[in-house]
C-alpha atoms as a PDB file:
ATOM      1  CA  MET A   1     -57.605  19.620-120.050  1.00  0.00           C
ATOM      2  CA  SER A   2     -60.152  18.075-122.361  1.00  0.00           C
ATOM      3  CA  VAL A   3     -63.482  19.630-123.255  1.00  0.00           C
ATOM      4  CA  ASP A   4     -65.284  16.881-121.321  1.00  0.00           C
ATOM      5  CA  GLU A   5     -63.178  17.530-118.210  1.00  0.00           C
ATOM      6  CA  LEU A   6     -63.870  21.255-118.447  1.00  0.00           C
ATOM      7  CA  ARG A   7     -67.591  20.625-118.910  1.00  0.00           C
ATOM      8  CA  PHE A   8     -67.580  18.340-115.854  1.00  0.00           C
ATOM      9  CA  LEU A   9     -65.864  21.020-113.755  1.00  0.00           C
ATOM     10  CA  LEU A  10     -68.199  23.787-114.896  1.00  0.00           C
ATOM     11  CA  ASP A  11     -71.282  21.656-114.289  1.00  0.00           C
ATOM     12  CA  GLY A  12     -70.176  21.381-110.657  1.00  0.00           C
ATOM     13  CA  VAL A  13     -70.184  25.165-110.140  1.00  0.00           C
ATOM     14  CA  PRO A  14     -73.490  26.304-108.636  1.00  0.00           C
ATOM     15  CA  ASP A  15     -75.363  29.067-110.463  1.00  0.00           C
ATOM     16  CA  THR A  16     -75.775  31.909-107.978  1.00  0.00           C
ATOM     17  CA  ARG A  17     -77.668  34.075-110.475  1.00  0.00           C
ATOM     18  CA  GLU A  18     -75.230  36.909-109.725  1.00  0.00           C
ATOM     19  CA  LEU A  19     -74.213  39.306-112.442  1.00  0.00           C
ATOM     20  CA  VAL A  20     -70.656  40.639-112.538  1.00  0.00           C
ATOM     21  CA  ILE A  21     -70.187  43.765-114.631  1.00  0.00           C
ATOM     22  CA  ARG A  22     -66.759  45.153-115.506  1.00  0.00           C
ATOM     23  CA  ARG A  23     -67.939  48.713-115.999  1.00  0.00           C
ATOM     24  CA  ALA A  24     -70.671  50.836-114.577  1.00  0.00           C
ATOM     25  CA  ASP A  25     -71.523  53.624-117.048  1.00  0.00           C
ATOM     26  CA  GLY A  26     -74.365  55.173-115.150  1.00  0.00           C
ATOM     27  CA  TRP A  27     -77.132  52.925-113.870  1.00  0.00           C
ATOM     28  CA  ALA A  28     -78.032  50.557-116.677  1.00  0.00           C
ATOM     29  CA  PRO A  29     -76.871  47.097-115.577  1.00  0.00           C
ATOM     30  CA  GLU A  30     -78.593  45.282-118.451  1.00  0.00           C
ATOM     31  CA  ARG A  31     -76.873  47.482-121.033  1.00  0.00           C
ATOM     32  CA  ASP A  32     -73.510  47.192-119.276  1.00  0.00           C
ATOM     33  CA  ALA A  33     -73.864  43.404-119.046  1.00  0.00           C
ATOM     34  CA  TRP A  34     -74.654  43.217-122.768  1.00  0.00           C
ATOM     35  CA  ARG A  35     -71.659  45.413-123.659  1.00  0.00           C
ATOM     36  CA  ASP A  36     -69.321  43.237-121.583  1.00  0.00           C
ATOM     37  CA  ALA A  37     -70.749  40.058-123.101  1.00  0.00           C
ATOM     38  CA  HIS A  38     -70.514  41.508-126.614  1.00  0.00           C
ATOM     39  CA  GLU A  39     -66.847  42.388-126.123  1.00  0.00           C
ATOM     40  CA  ASP A  40     -66.128  38.915-124.723  1.00  0.00           C
ATOM     41  CA  ALA A  41     -67.866  37.250-127.678  1.00  0.00           C
ATOM     42  CA  ALA A  42     -66.002  39.384-130.214  1.00  0.00           C
ATOM     43  CA  SER A  43     -62.683  38.564-128.553  1.00  0.00           C
ATOM     44  CA  ALA A  44     -63.493  34.843-128.381  1.00  0.00           C
ATOM     45  CA  TYR A  45     -64.503  34.891-132.053  1.00  0.00           C
ATOM     46  CA  GLY A  46     -61.166  36.436-132.989  1.00  0.00           C
ATOM     47  CA  THR A  47     -59.341  33.802-130.961  1.00  0.00           C
ATOM     48  CA  TRP A  48     -61.277  31.036-132.672  1.00  0.00           C
ATOM     49  CA  LEU A  49     -60.578  32.479-136.128  1.00  0.00           C
ATOM     50  CA  ALA A  50     -56.863  32.557-135.343  1.00  0.00           C
ATOM     51  CA  SER A  51     -56.607  29.041-133.893  1.00  0.00           C
ATOM     52  CA  ARG A  52     -59.563  27.051-135.288  1.00  0.00           C
ATOM     53  CA  THR A  53     -59.446  24.625-132.355  1.00  0.00           C
ATOM     54  CA  PRO A  54     -62.478  22.886-130.819  1.00  0.00           C
ATOM     55  CA  VAL A  55     -61.744  24.454-127.423  1.00  0.00           C
ATOM     56  CA  ALA A  56     -61.590  27.964-128.907  1.00  0.00           C
ATOM     57  CA  TYR A  57     -64.871  27.317-130.736  1.00  0.00           C
ATOM     58  CA  ALA A  58     -66.535  26.108-127.518  1.00  0.00           C
ATOM     59  CA  ALA A  59     -65.318  29.238-125.722  1.00  0.00           C
ATOM     60  CA  TYR A  60     -66.665  31.413-128.541  1.00  0.00           C
ATOM     61  CA  ARG A  61     -70.072  29.684-128.488  1.00  0.00           C
ATOM     62  CA  ALA A  62     -70.304  30.050-124.692  1.00  0.00           C
ATOM     63  CA  ALA A  63     -69.471  33.753-124.976  1.00  0.00           C
ATOM     64  CA  GLN A  64     -72.028  34.139-127.764  1.00  0.00           C
ATOM     65  CA  ASP A  65     -74.672  32.432-125.617  1.00  0.00           C
ATOM     66  CA  ARG A  66     -73.916  34.889-122.799  1.00  0.00           C
ATOM     67  CA  GLU A  67     -74.249  37.773-125.230  1.00  0.00           C
ATOM     68  CA  ASP A  68     -77.594  36.435-126.485  1.00  0.00           C
ATOM     69  CA  ALA A  69     -78.894  36.095-122.916  1.00  0.00           C
ATOM     70  CA  ALA A  70     -77.725  39.612-122.056  1.00  0.00           C
ATOM     71  CA  GLN A  71     -79.388  40.967-125.194  1.00  0.00           C
ATOM     72  CA  ASP A  72     -82.665  39.258-124.217  1.00  0.00           C
ATOM     73  CA  ALA A  73     -82.421  40.779-120.720  1.00  0.00           C
ATOM     74  CA  LEU A  74     -81.743  44.208-122.203  1.00  0.00           C
ATOM     75  CA  ALA A  75     -84.736  43.938-124.539  1.00  0.00           C
ATOM     76  CA  ALA A  76     -86.977  42.831-121.666  1.00  0.00           C
ATOM     77  CA  SER A  77     -85.882  45.795-119.549  1.00  0.00           C
ATOM     78  CA  ARG A  78     -86.920  48.383-122.147  1.00  0.00           C
END
């Protein structure tokens, strides 16, 4: 699948504004969302470093964008 085909598919998915959190350490959804996003971004970065492909870089940047958004939400909640 090409990057353009993937982008086309993802653009067709409606944004429900729902937040899915892998863990629930107490009741701090913003912090938990940031932790999950941070782990995803770190993993995607490692994958990109190992492969250096455009698709891996796009996945890393998307994960980093999610982490940035989660960090902004966490800062706004404090």
